[in-house]
Amino acid sequence: MEFKDYYKILEVPREASQDDIRKAYRKLARKYHPDVSKEPNAEAQMRDVNEANDVLRDTEKRAAYDGVAAEVSGANGAAPGPGWDRGFEFSGANGAEPSQAEFRDFMAGLFKQAAQQRRTQERGQGFDSGQGQAQNFRGEDHHADIEITLEDSFAGVTRELSLRSVQLDPQGQPQLVNRTLSVKIPAGVKAGQMIRLAGQGMPGEGSGAAGDLFLTVHFAAHPVYQIDGRDLTMKLPITPWEAALGGKVHAPTLAGAVEVNIAAGSKQGGKLRLRGKGLPGDPPGDLYLVLDIVWPTADSEATRAAYEQLAKVAAFNPRRHLGVSA
């Protein structure tokens, strides 16, 4: 998800007054309005200008946005990198993954959360504009990301998860707060799967139940395995003589090393399938071993002599099919 700097879009400093923001918006609206503008991508530029103005002209939205911006930009004010939004809670539509949600939807979730908290606070203080009758509403569900290792998914683990969300301070102003949850990761959980934490979403209004928190699982990059659902794939290095003559070698799995048989005459890229050696489940995934023939370098007299001897006795021309003799 791309982080948008609304101040940069409106070409105003962060300490700009509401009057400054209003003037900047009018200037840019004249510049980018699709009906009159000759600028490239005027329509897209105008959408960003409208979005930035909608947030910065609203005191509560601006306070919530400033809190998020300060959290993700770092001390030097640098723009945040990919994944800056990980760990934020937001009200997602249909459980969409935060990394795929548009930025305005993400921010709208934070603003909506603060607004709902304000309504709840005002009702508790007797400011309900209704007829004095208690309103009971279930709290909204929230969504956030959680990154785990492949080993976490294989064995199951309990993780401490830090989440960020917008809440109201005692003065009723939105602020960014952190909270920590203990999350049990079940064995066999897949990338993209959601874990439901009942009652950990937005508090309900009146006597309404709290919403739920849905965590979308993401795997950290692994140095050995590639992941496809519950199936795993890895390159298995073998020597030229193991490929040519066959034999037994040891291969790593998440459950420990196993012995596998290399068939004589195996080729580069050949694939072996170890059933049930992927991630656990019903059924469990498989582990695919892709053969990677690794040749030793001729960095010693003995190795060089061995290659020279092989060249004499092998009578091998890999370019024969190209019509050349050597």
C-alpha atoms as a PDB file:
ATOM      1  CA  MET A   1       0.000   0.000   0.000  1.00  0.00           C
ATOM      2  CA  GLU A   2       1.445   3.379  -1.014  1.00  0.00           C
ATOM      3  CA  PHE A   3       1.546   5.999   1.723  1.00  0.00           C
ATOM      4  CA  LYS A   4       0.247   9.327   0.430  1.00  0.00           C
ATOM      5  CA  ASP A   5       1.626  12.578   1.798  1.00  0.00           C
ATOM      6  CA  TYR A   6      -1.449  14.807   1.760  1.00  0.00           C
ATOM      7  CA  TYR A   7       0.580  17.898   2.633  1.00  0.00           C
ATOM      8  CA  LYS A   8       2.862  17.311  -0.326  1.00  0.00           C
ATOM      9  CA  ILE A   9      -0.128  16.749  -2.605  1.00  0.00           C
ATOM     10  CA  LEU A  10      -1.634  20.119  -1.576  1.00  0.00           C
ATOM     11  CA  GLU A  11       1.819  21.762  -1.636  1.00  0.00           C
ATOM     12  CA  VAL A  12       1.498  23.121   1.906  1.00  0.00           C
ATOM     13  CA  PRO A  13       3.695  22.734   5.020  1.00  0.00           C
ATOM     14  CA  ARG A  14       2.532  20.478   7.860  1.00  0.00           C
ATOM     15  CA  GLU A  15       1.843  23.488  10.060  1.00  0.00           C
ATOM     16  CA  ALA A  16      -0.457  25.040   7.412  1.00  0.00           C
ATOM     17  CA  SER A  17      -3.580  26.767   8.702  1.00  0.00           C
ATOM     18  CA  GLN A  18      -7.071  25.880   7.532  1.00  0.00           C
ATOM     19  CA  ASP A  19      -7.049  29.061   5.445  1.00  0.00           C
ATOM     20  CA  ASP A  20      -3.764  27.994   3.808  1.00  0.00           C
ATOM     21  CA  ILE A  21      -5.253  24.575   2.995  1.00  0.00           C
ATOM     22  CA  ARG A  22      -8.395  26.132   1.550  1.00  0.00           C
ATOM     23  CA  LYS A  23      -6.375  28.464  -0.712  1.00  0.00           C
ATOM     24  CA  ALA A  24      -4.071  25.645  -1.837  1.00  0.00           C
ATOM     25  CA  TYR A  25      -7.035  23.456  -2.704  1.00  0.00           C
ATOM     26  CA  ARG A  26      -8.684  26.163  -4.815  1.00  0.00           C
ATOM     27  CA  LYS A  27      -5.432  26.799  -6.674  1.00  0.00           C
ATOM     28  CA  LEU A  28      -4.874  23.114  -7.469  1.00  0.00           C
ATOM     29  CA  ALA A  29      -8.529  22.553  -8.337  1.00  0.00           C
ATOM     30  CA  ARG A  30      -8.222  25.221 -11.026  1.00  0.00           C
ATOM     31  CA  LYS A  31      -5.016  23.598 -12.257  1.00  0.00           C
ATOM     32  CA  TYR A  32      -6.187  19.981 -12.415  1.00  0.00           C
ATOM     33  CA  HIS A  33      -9.938  20.116 -12.996  1.00  0.00           C
ATOM     34  CA  PRO A  34     -10.460  17.679 -15.914  1.00  0.00           C
ATOM     35  CA  ASP A  35     -12.851  20.054 -17.695  1.00  0.00           C
ATOM     36  CA  VAL A  36     -10.231  22.759 -18.121  1.00  0.00           C
ATOM     37  CA  SER A  37      -6.818  21.252 -17.354  1.00  0.00           C
ATOM     38  CA  LYS A  38      -4.246  20.416 -20.001  1.00  0.00           C
ATOM     39  CA  GLU A  39      -1.984  18.720 -17.462  1.00  0.00           C
ATOM     40  CA  PRO A  40      -1.172  15.011 -18.006  1.00  0.00           C
ATOM     41  CA  ASN A  41      -3.092  12.679 -15.664  1.00  0.00           C
ATOM     42  CA  ALA A  42      -5.260  15.598 -14.576  1.00  0.00           C
ATOM     43  CA  GLU A  43      -8.105  13.337 -13.496  1.00  0.00           C
ATOM     44  CA  ALA A  44      -5.870  11.224 -11.231  1.00  0.00           C
ATOM     45  CA  GLN A  45      -4.196  14.355  -9.842  1.00  0.00           C
ATOM     46  CA  MET A  46      -7.601  15.855  -9.072  1.00  0.00           C
ATOM     47  CA  ARG A  47      -8.664  12.712  -7.215  1.00  0.00           C
ATOM     48  CA  ASP A  48      -5.571  12.951  -4.991  1.00  0.00           C
ATOM     49  CA  VAL A  49      -6.163  16.665  -4.382  1.00  0.00           C
ATOM     50  CA  ASN A  50      -9.783  16.036  -3.397  1.00  0.00           C
ATOM     51  CA  GLU A  51      -8.754  13.187  -1.118  1.00  0.00           C
ATOM     52  CA  ALA A  52      -6.050  15.249   0.589  1.00  0.00           C
ATOM     53  CA  ASN A  53      -8.388  18.214   1.033  1.00  0.00           C
ATOM     54  CA  ASP A  54     -11.142  16.013   2.488  1.00  0.00           C
ATOM     55  CA  VAL A  55      -8.768  14.836   5.231  1.00  0.00           C
ATOM     56  CA  LEU A  56      -6.795  17.981   6.039  1.00  0.00           C
ATOM     57  CA  ARG A  57      -9.786  20.321   6.195  1.00  0.00           C
ATOM     58  CA  ASP A  58     -11.407  18.125   8.881  1.00  0.00           C
ATOM     59  CA  THR A  59      -9.821  18.627  12.316  1.00  0.00           C
ATOM     60  CA  GLU A  60     -10.402  15.084  13.571  1.00  0.00           C
ATOM     61  CA  LYS A  61      -9.339  13.421  10.328  1.00  0.00           C
ATOM     62  CA  ARG A  62      -6.243  15.603  10.164  1.00  0.00           C
ATOM     63  CA  ALA A  63      -5.273  14.696  13.740  1.00  0.00           C
ATOM     64  CA  ALA A  64      -5.679  10.982  13.003  1.00  0.00           C
ATOM     65  CA  TYR A  65      -3.729  11.301   9.736  1.00  0.00           C
ATOM     66  CA  ASP A  66      -0.912  13.249  11.438  1.00  0.00           C
ATOM     67  CA  GLY A  67      -0.626  10.497  14.042  1.00  0.00           C
ATOM     68  CA  VAL A  68      -0.286   7.820  11.379  1.00  0.00           C
ATOM     69  CA  ALA A  69       2.154   9.933   9.341  1.00  0.00           C
ATOM     70  CA  ALA A  70       4.377  10.557  12.354  1.00  0.00           C
ATOM     71  CA  GLU A  71       4.379   6.849  13.193  1.00  0.00           C
ATOM     72  CA  VAL A  72       5.429   5.651   9.763  1.00  0.00           C
ATOM     73  CA  SER A  73       7.730   8.415   8.519  1.00  0.00           C
ATOM     74  CA  GLY A  74      10.583   8.022  11.002  1.00  0.00           C
ATOM     75  CA  ALA A  75      12.629  10.631  12.778  1.00  0.00           C
ATOM     76  CA  ASN A  76      14.177  12.028   9.593  1.00  0.00           C
ATOM     77  CA  GLY A  77      10.828  12.518   7.903  1.00  0.00           C
ATOM     78  CA  ALA A  78      11.654  10.042   5.148  1.00  0.00           C
ATOM     79  CA  ALA A  79       8.821   8.437   3.258  1.00  0.00           C
ATOM     80  CA  PRO A  80       7.934   4.993   4.624  1.00  0.00           C
ATOM     81  CA  GLY A  81       8.869   1.907   2.668  1.00  0.00           C
ATOM     82  CA  PRO A  82       6.736  -1.051   1.583  1.00  0.00           C
ATOM     83  CA  GLY A  83       4.746  -2.655   4.370  1.00  0.00           C
ATOM     84  CA  TRP A  84       4.536   0.534   6.449  1.00  0.00           C
ATOM     85  CA  ASP A  85       0.889  -0.287   7.242  1.00  0.00           C
ATOM     86  CA  ARG A  86       1.613  -3.701   8.755  1.00  0.00           C
ATOM     87  CA  GLY A  87       0.286  -3.909  12.288  1.00  0.00           C
ATOM     88  CA  PHE A  88      -2.404  -1.274  11.810  1.00  0.00           C
ATOM     89  CA  GLU A  89      -5.981  -2.197  12.535  1.00  0.00           C
ATOM     90  CA  PHE A  90      -8.651  -0.967  10.160  1.00  0.00           C
ATOM     91  CA  SER A  91     -12.232  -1.740   9.229  1.00  0.00           C
ATOM     92  CA  GLY A  92     -11.802  -3.668   5.996  1.00  0.00           C
ATOM     93  CA  ALA A  93     -14.434  -4.507   3.434  1.00  0.00           C
ATOM     94  CA  ASN A  94     -15.064  -8.233   3.075  1.00  0.00           C
ATOM     95  CA  GLY A  95     -11.806  -9.049   4.834  1.00  0.00           C
ATOM     96  CA  ALA A  96      -9.621  -7.522   2.112  1.00  0.00           C
ATOM     97  CA  GLU A  97      -5.912  -7.790   2.824  1.00  0.00           C
ATOM     98  CA  PRO A  98      -4.412  -4.494   3.976  1.00  0.00           C
ATOM     99  CA  SER A  99      -1.646  -4.770   1.407  1.00  0.00           C
ATOM    100  CA  GLN A 100      -4.272  -4.772  -1.357  1.00  0.00           C
ATOM    101  CA  ALA A 101      -6.608  -2.123   0.107  1.00  0.00           C
ATOM    102  CA  GLU A 102      -6.465   1.354  -1.342  1.00  0.00           C
ATOM    103  CA  PHE A 103      -4.929   3.972   0.916  1.00  0.00           C
ATOM    104  CA  ARG A 104      -8.123   5.987   1.217  1.00  0.00           C
ATOM    105  CA  ASP A 105     -10.002   2.894   2.402  1.00  0.00           C
ATOM    106  CA  PHE A 106      -7.346   2.253   5.012  1.00  0.00           C
ATOM    107  CA  MET A 107      -7.496   5.816   6.300  1.00  0.00           C
ATOM    108  CA  ALA A 108     -11.290   5.823   6.183  1.00  0.00           C
ATOM    109  CA  GLY A 109     -11.266   2.847   8.540  1.00  0.00           C
ATOM    110  CA  LEU A 110      -9.158   4.767  11.064  1.00  0.00           C
ATOM    111  CA  PHE A 111     -11.360   7.856  10.786  1.00  0.00           C
ATOM    112  CA  LYS A 112     -14.509   5.780  11.139  1.00  0.00           C
ATOM    113  CA  GLN A 113     -13.075   4.118  14.241  1.00  0.00           C
ATOM    114  CA  ALA A 114     -12.382   7.476  15.891  1.00  0.00           C
ATOM    115  CA  ALA A 115     -15.824   8.793  14.951  1.00  0.00           C
ATOM    116  CA  GLN A 116     -17.534   5.753  16.428  1.00  0.00           C
ATOM    117  CA  GLN A 117     -15.541   6.121  19.640  1.00  0.00           C
ATOM    118  CA  ARG A 118     -16.602   9.756  19.844  1.00  0.00           C
ATOM    119  CA  ARG A 119     -20.282   8.788  19.489  1.00  0.00           C
ATOM    120  CA  THR A 120     -19.898   6.197  22.234  1.00  0.00           C
ATOM    121  CA  GLN A 121     -18.145   8.734  24.480  1.00  0.00           C
ATOM    122  CA  GLU A 122     -20.835  11.366  23.908  1.00  0.00           C
ATOM    123  CA  ARG A 123     -23.630   8.919  24.700  1.00  0.00           C
ATOM    124  CA  GLY A 124     -21.853   7.978  27.914  1.00  0.00           C
ATOM    125  CA  GLN A 125     -21.717  11.659  28.855  1.00  0.00           C
ATOM    126  CA  GLY A 126     -25.401  12.190  28.137  1.00  0.00           C
ATOM    127  CA  PHE A 127     -24.967  14.016  24.812  1.00  0.00           C
ATOM    128  CA  ASP A 128     -27.000  11.556  22.757  1.00  0.00           C
ATOM    129  CA  SER A 129     -29.070  13.538  20.289  1.00  0.00           C
ATOM    130  CA  GLY A 130     -31.713  10.813  20.287  1.00  0.00           C
ATOM    131  CA  GLN A 131     -34.666  10.505  22.622  1.00  0.00           C
ATOM    132  CA  GLY A 132     -32.675   9.155  25.534  1.00  0.00           C
ATOM    133  CA  GLN A 133     -33.113   5.495  24.614  1.00  0.00           C
ATOM    134  CA  ALA A 134     -30.017   3.311  24.756  1.00  0.00           C
ATOM    135  CA  GLN A 135     -28.741   2.184  21.370  1.00  0.00           C
ATOM    136  CA  ASN A 136     -27.138  -1.254  21.253  1.00  0.00           C
ATOM    137  CA  PHE A 137     -24.886  -1.939  18.294  1.00  0.00           C
ATOM    138  CA  ARG A 138     -22.275  -4.615  17.757  1.00  0.00           C
ATOM    139  CA  GLY A 139     -18.792  -3.203  17.343  1.00  0.00           C
ATOM    140  CA  GLU A 140     -17.174  -3.276  13.906  1.00  0.00           C
ATOM    141  CA  ASP A 141     -14.748  -5.977  12.898  1.00  0.00           C
ATOM    142  CA  HIS A 142     -11.139  -4.933  12.366  1.00  0.00           C
ATOM    143  CA  HIS A 143      -8.425  -6.357  10.139  1.00  0.00           C
ATOM    144  CA  ALA A 144      -4.642  -6.393  10.462  1.00  0.00           C
ATOM    145  CA  ASP A 145      -1.621  -8.312   9.135  1.00  0.00           C
ATOM    146  CA  ILE A 146       0.570 -10.772  10.998  1.00  0.00           C
ATOM    147  CA  GLU A 147       3.890 -12.024   9.620  1.00  0.00           C
ATOM    148  CA  ILE A 148       5.125 -15.451  10.701  1.00  0.00           C
ATOM    149  CA  THR A 149       7.926 -17.794   9.697  1.00  0.00           C
ATOM    150  CA  LEU A 150       7.424 -21.042   7.843  1.00  0.00           C
ATOM    151  CA  GLU A 151       8.608 -22.864  10.951  1.00  0.00           C
ATOM    152  CA  ASP A 152       5.854 -21.129  12.965  1.00  0.00           C
ATOM    153  CA  SER A 153       3.252 -22.539  10.599  1.00  0.00           C
ATOM    154  CA  PHE A 154       4.762 -26.020  10.672  1.00  0.00           C
ATOM    155  CA  ALA A 155       4.878 -26.390  14.448  1.00  0.00           C
ATOM    156  CA  GLY A 156       2.306 -23.851  15.641  1.00  0.00           C
ATOM    157  CA  VAL A 157       3.341 -21.090  18.013  1.00  0.00           C
ATOM    158  CA  THR A 158       2.041 -18.393  20.328  1.00  0.00           C
ATOM    159  CA  ARG A 159       3.173 -14.917  19.295  1.00  0.00           C
ATOM    160  CA  GLU A 160       2.982 -11.504  20.918  1.00  0.00           C
ATOM    161  CA  LEU A 161       1.533  -9.110  18.348  1.00  0.00           C
ATOM    162  CA  SER A 162       1.797  -5.323  18.557  1.00  0.00           C
ATOM    163  CA  LEU A 163      -1.060  -3.476  16.850  1.00  0.00           C
ATOM    164  CA  ARG A 164      -1.690   0.208  16.222  1.00  0.00           C
ATOM    165  CA  SER A 165      -5.067   1.897  16.082  1.00  0.00           C
ATOM    166  CA  VAL A 166      -6.697   5.271  16.599  1.00  0.00           C
ATOM    167  CA  GLN A 167      -8.413   5.954  19.928  1.00  0.00           C
ATOM    168  CA  LEU A 168      -9.709   9.069  21.631  1.00  0.00           C
ATOM    169  CA  ASP A 169      -7.717  10.724  24.388  1.00  0.00           C
ATOM    170  CA  PRO A 170      -9.463  12.151  27.526  1.00  0.00           C
ATOM    171  CA  GLN A 171     -10.131  15.368  25.593  1.00  0.00           C
ATOM    172  CA  GLY A 172     -11.885  13.443  22.831  1.00  0.00           C
ATOM    173  CA  GLN A 173      -9.090  13.934  20.278  1.00  0.00           C
ATOM    174  CA  PRO A 174      -7.952  10.988  18.105  1.00  0.00           C
ATOM    175  CA  GLN A 175      -4.495   9.652  18.849  1.00  0.00           C
ATOM    176  CA  LEU A 176      -2.429   6.680  17.722  1.00  0.00           C
ATOM    177  CA  VAL A 177      -2.068   3.982  20.392  1.00  0.00           C
ATOM    178  CA  ASN A 178      -0.331   0.617  20.580  1.00  0.00           C
ATOM    179  CA  ARG A 179      -1.658  -2.557  22.153  1.00  0.00           C
ATOM    180  CA  THR A 180      -0.236  -6.068  22.489  1.00  0.00           C
ATOM    181  CA  LEU A 181      -2.141  -9.312  22.001  1.00  0.00           C
ATOM    182  CA  SER A 182      -1.085 -12.909  22.572  1.00  0.00           C
ATOM    183  CA  VAL A 183      -1.994 -14.799  19.392  1.00  0.00           C
ATOM    184  CA  LYS A 184      -2.002 -18.587  19.010  1.00  0.00           C
ATOM    185  CA  ILE A 185      -0.860 -19.597  15.516  1.00  0.00           C
ATOM    186  CA  PRO A 186      -2.276 -23.041  14.652  1.00  0.00           C
ATOM    187  CA  ALA A 187      -0.022 -25.589  12.944  1.00  0.00           C
ATOM    188  CA  GLY A 188      -0.611 -25.703   9.198  1.00  0.00           C
ATOM    189  CA  VAL A 189      -1.900 -22.151   8.774  1.00  0.00           C
ATOM    190  CA  LYS A 190      -1.430 -20.954   5.183  1.00  0.00           C
ATOM    191  CA  ALA A 191      -0.405 -17.624   3.707  1.00  0.00           C
ATOM    192  CA  GLY A 192      -3.493 -15.499   3.131  1.00  0.00           C
ATOM    193  CA  GLN A 193      -5.520 -17.364   5.746  1.00  0.00           C
ATOM    194  CA  MET A 194      -7.288 -15.279   8.391  1.00  0.00           C
ATOM    195  CA  ILE A 195      -7.179 -15.927  12.130  1.00  0.00           C
ATOM    196  CA  ARG A 196     -10.226 -14.680  14.046  1.00  0.00           C
ATOM    197  CA  LEU A 197      -9.813 -13.192  17.515  1.00  0.00           C
ATOM    198  CA  ALA A 198     -13.315 -12.916  18.943  1.00  0.00           C
ATOM    199  CA  GLY A 199     -14.150  -9.697  20.757  1.00  0.00           C
ATOM    200  CA  GLN A 200     -10.869  -7.944  19.908  1.00  0.00           C
ATOM    201  CA  GLY A 201     -12.342  -5.530  17.378  1.00  0.00           C
ATOM    202  CA  MET A 202     -14.209  -2.275  17.946  1.00  0.00           C
ATOM    203  CA  PRO A 203     -16.146  -2.055  21.259  1.00  0.00           C
ATOM    204  CA  GLY A 204     -19.907  -2.227  20.890  1.00  0.00           C
ATOM    205  CA  GLU A 205     -22.236   0.669  21.624  1.00  0.00           C
ATOM    206  CA  GLY A 206     -24.533   0.368  24.620  1.00  0.00           C
ATOM    207  CA  SER A 207     -24.665  -3.304  25.565  1.00  0.00           C
ATOM    208  CA  GLY A 208     -23.695  -4.412  22.078  1.00  0.00           C
ATOM    209  CA  ALA A 209     -20.963  -7.033  21.764  1.00  0.00           C
ATOM    210  CA  ALA A 210     -17.479  -6.090  20.630  1.00  0.00           C
ATOM    211  CA  GLY A 211     -16.475  -6.831  17.072  1.00  0.00           C
ATOM    212  CA  ASP A 212     -13.796  -9.327  16.076  1.00  0.00           C
ATOM    213  CA  LEU A 213     -10.219  -8.864  14.914  1.00  0.00           C
ATOM    214  CA  PHE A 214      -9.181 -10.771  11.794  1.00  0.00           C
ATOM    215  CA  LEU A 215      -5.457 -11.290  11.231  1.00  0.00           C
ATOM    216  CA  THR A 216      -4.334 -12.030   7.683  1.00  0.00           C
ATOM    217  CA  VAL A 217      -1.316 -14.351   7.742  1.00  0.00           C
ATOM    218  CA  HIS A 218       1.794 -13.520   5.725  1.00  0.00           C
ATOM    219  CA  PHE A 219       4.993 -15.586   5.578  1.00  0.00           C
ATOM    220  CA  ALA A 220       8.403 -14.021   5.950  1.00  0.00           C
ATOM    221  CA  ALA A 221      10.746 -14.823   3.070  1.00  0.00           C
ATOM    222  CA  HIS A 222      12.502 -18.147   3.634  1.00  0.00           C
ATOM    223  CA  PRO A 223      16.112 -18.790   2.579  1.00  0.00           C
ATOM    224  CA  VAL A 224      15.439 -22.385   1.474  1.00  0.00           C
ATOM    225  CA  TYR A 225      11.787 -23.051   0.682  1.00  0.00           C
ATOM    226  CA  GLN A 226       9.271 -21.550  -1.743  1.00  0.00           C
ATOM    227  CA  ILE A 227       5.671 -21.827  -0.566  1.00  0.00           C
ATOM    228  CA  ASP A 228       2.541 -22.688  -2.547  1.00  0.00           C
ATOM    229  CA  GLY A 229      -0.399 -23.251  -0.233  1.00  0.00           C
ATOM    230  CA  ARG A 230       0.750 -26.173   1.906  1.00  0.00           C
ATOM    231  CA  ASP A 231       3.264 -27.419  -0.687  1.00  0.00           C
ATOM    232  CA  LEU A 232       6.936 -26.499  -0.431  1.00  0.00           C
ATOM    233  CA  THR A 233       9.653 -26.458  -3.090  1.00  0.00           C
ATOM    234  CA  MET A 234      13.416 -26.283  -2.626  1.00  0.00           C
ATOM    235  CA  LYS A 235      16.543 -26.739  -4.720  1.00  0.00           C
ATOM    236  CA  LEU A 236      18.556 -29.809  -3.764  1.00  0.00           C
ATOM    237  CA  PRO A 237      22.230 -29.482  -4.788  1.00  0.00           C
ATOM    238  CA  ILE A 238      23.797 -32.736  -6.022  1.00  0.00           C
ATOM    239  CA  THR A 239      27.188 -33.576  -7.523  1.00  0.00           C
ATOM    240  CA  PRO A 240      27.664 -34.559 -11.193  1.00  0.00           C
ATOM    241  CA  TRP A 241      28.583 -38.109 -10.159  1.00  0.00           C
ATOM    242  CA  GLU A 242      25.483 -38.420  -7.980  1.00  0.00           C
ATOM    243  CA  ALA A 243      23.408 -37.343 -10.980  1.00  0.00           C
ATOM    244  CA  ALA A 244      25.204 -39.687 -13.378  1.00  0.00           C
ATOM    245  CA  LEU A 245      25.601 -42.765 -11.175  1.00  0.00           C
ATOM    246  CA  GLY A 246      22.682 -42.354  -8.789  1.00  0.00           C
ATOM    247  CA  GLY A 247      22.812 -42.884  -5.051  1.00  0.00           C
ATOM    248  CA  LYS A 248      21.343 -41.841  -1.752  1.00  0.00           C
ATOM    249  CA  VAL A 249      21.692 -38.312  -0.341  1.00  0.00           C
ATOM    250  CA  HIS A 250      20.217 -36.461   2.614  1.00  0.00           C
ATOM    251  CA  ALA A 251      17.714 -33.637   2.123  1.00  0.00           C
ATOM    252  CA  PRO A 252      16.387 -31.217   4.771  1.00  0.00           C
ATOM    253  CA  THR A 253      12.688 -31.045   5.651  1.00  0.00           C
ATOM    254  CA  LEU A 254      10.867 -29.018   8.284  1.00  0.00           C
ATOM    255  CA  ALA A 255      10.688 -32.196  10.383  1.00  0.00           C
ATOM    256  CA  GLY A 256      14.384 -33.033   9.985  1.00  0.00           C
ATOM    257  CA  ALA A 257      16.710 -34.544   7.383  1.00  0.00           C
ATOM    258  CA  VAL A 258      15.525 -37.527   5.321  1.00  0.00           C
ATOM    259  CA  GLU A 259      17.338 -39.868   2.927  1.00  0.00           C
ATOM    260  CA  VAL A 260      16.272 -39.683  -0.704  1.00  0.00           C
ATOM    261  CA  ASN A 261      17.270 -41.772  -3.700  1.00  0.00           C
ATOM    262  CA  ILE A 262      18.790 -40.054  -6.737  1.00  0.00           C
ATOM    263  CA  ALA A 263      18.153 -42.084  -9.902  1.00  0.00           C
ATOM    264  CA  ALA A 264      21.105 -42.764 -12.212  1.00  0.00           C
ATOM    265  CA  GLY A 265      21.099 -40.400 -15.174  1.00  0.00           C
ATOM    266  CA  SER A 266      19.200 -37.629 -13.359  1.00  0.00           C
ATOM    267  CA  LYS A 267      19.044 -34.314 -15.211  1.00  0.00           C
ATOM    268  CA  GLN A 268      19.331 -30.699 -14.099  1.00  0.00           C
ATOM    269  CA  GLY A 269      15.924 -29.499 -12.896  1.00  0.00           C
ATOM    270  CA  GLY A 270      14.601 -32.993 -12.280  1.00  0.00           C
ATOM    271  CA  LYS A 271      11.983 -33.071  -9.543  1.00  0.00           C
ATOM    272  CA  LEU A 272      11.417 -35.454  -6.636  1.00  0.00           C
ATOM    273  CA  ARG A 273       8.199 -35.452  -4.612  1.00  0.00           C
ATOM    274  CA  LEU A 274       8.162 -36.208  -0.891  1.00  0.00           C
ATOM    275  CA  ARG A 275       4.530 -36.810   0.026  1.00  0.00           C
ATOM    276  CA  GLY A 276       3.301 -35.261   3.253  1.00  0.00           C
ATOM    277  CA  LYS A 277       6.559 -33.420   3.958  1.00  0.00           C
ATOM    278  CA  GLY A 278       5.131 -29.945   3.403  1.00  0.00           C
ATOM    279  CA  LEU A 279       2.975 -28.000   5.846  1.00  0.00           C
ATOM    280  CA  PRO A 280       0.614 -30.046   8.054  1.00  0.00           C
ATOM    281  CA  GLY A 281      -3.085 -30.158   7.214  1.00  0.00           C
ATOM    282  CA  ASP A 282      -5.845 -32.430   5.991  1.00  0.00           C
ATOM    283  CA  PRO A 283      -4.325 -33.487   3.694  1.00  0.00           C
ATOM    284  CA  PRO A 284      -0.756 -32.319   4.441  1.00  0.00           C
ATOM    285  CA  GLY A 285       1.265 -30.610   1.738  1.00  0.00           C
ATOM    286  CA  ASP A 286       4.133 -32.154  -0.205  1.00  0.00           C
ATOM    287  CA  LEU A 287       7.786 -31.187  -0.490  1.00  0.00           C
ATOM    288  CA  TYR A 288       9.243 -30.959  -3.998  1.00  0.00           C
ATOM    289  CA  LEU A 289      13.008 -31.270  -4.450  1.00  0.00           C
ATOM    290  CA  VAL A 290      14.358 -29.679  -7.626  1.00  0.00           C
ATOM    291  CA  LEU A 291      17.727 -31.193  -8.557  1.00  0.00           C
ATOM    292  CA  ASP A 292      20.523 -28.670  -8.986  1.00  0.00           C
ATOM    293  CA  ILE A 293      23.715 -30.221 -10.360  1.00  0.00           C
ATOM    294  CA  VAL A 294      26.695 -28.325  -8.940  1.00  0.00           C
ATOM    295  CA  TRP A 295      30.114 -28.778 -10.544  1.00  0.00           C
ATOM    296  CA  PRO A 296      33.281 -28.434  -8.480  1.00  0.00           C
ATOM    297  CA  THR A 297      35.692 -25.725  -9.607  1.00  0.00           C
ATOM    298  CA  ALA A 298      39.095 -26.659 -10.990  1.00  0.00           C
ATOM    299  CA  ASP A 299      40.905 -24.842  -8.225  1.00  0.00           C
ATOM    300  CA  SER A 300      43.517 -27.497  -7.491  1.00  0.00           C
ATOM    301  CA  GLU A 301      45.933 -29.617  -9.537  1.00  0.00           C
ATOM    302  CA  ALA A 302      44.070 -32.789  -8.606  1.00  0.00           C
ATOM    303  CA  THR A 303      40.676 -31.431  -9.647  1.00  0.00           C
ATOM    304  CA  ARG A 304      42.089 -30.060 -12.892  1.00  0.00           C
ATOM    305  CA  ALA A 305      43.719 -33.409 -13.683  1.00  0.00           C
ATOM    306  CA  ALA A 306      40.410 -35.181 -12.999  1.00  0.00           C
ATOM    307  CA  TYR A 307      38.593 -32.902 -15.468  1.00  0.00           C
ATOM    308  CA  GLU A 308      41.306 -33.461 -18.093  1.00  0.00           C
ATOM    309  CA  GLN A 309      41.010 -37.222 -17.650  1.00  0.00           C
ATOM    310  CA  LEU A 310      37.217 -37.010 -17.938  1.00  0.00           C
ATOM    311  CA  ALA A 311      37.549 -35.016 -21.165  1.00  0.00           C
ATOM    312  CA  LYS A 312      39.728 -37.798 -22.625  1.00  0.00           C
ATOM    313  CA  VAL A 313      37.546 -40.765 -21.701  1.00  0.00           C
ATOM    314  CA  ALA A 314      33.996 -39.349 -21.899  1.00  0.00           C
ATOM    315  CA  ALA A 315      33.867 -38.769 -25.690  1.00  0.00           C
ATOM    316  CA  PHE A 316      31.079 -36.316 -24.973  1.00  0.00           C
ATOM    317  CA  ASN A 317      29.956 -33.503 -27.285  1.00  0.00           C
ATOM    318  CA  PRO A 318      26.969 -31.560 -25.908  1.00  0.00           C
ATOM    319  CA  ARG A 319      26.746 -29.540 -29.181  1.00  0.00           C
ATOM    320  CA  ARG A 320      26.386 -32.476 -31.549  1.00  0.00           C
ATOM    321  CA  HIS A 321      22.686 -31.671 -32.130  1.00  0.00           C
ATOM    322  CA  LEU A 322      23.728 -28.218 -33.363  1.00  0.00           C
ATOM    323  CA  GLY A 323      25.704 -29.742 -36.236  1.00  0.00           C
ATOM    324  CA  VAL A 324      29.169 -28.861 -34.948  1.00  0.00           C
ATOM    325  CA  SER A 325      31.927 -31.353 -34.248  1.00  0.00           C
ATOM    326  CA  ALA A 326      33.569 -29.735 -31.255  1.00  0.00           C
END
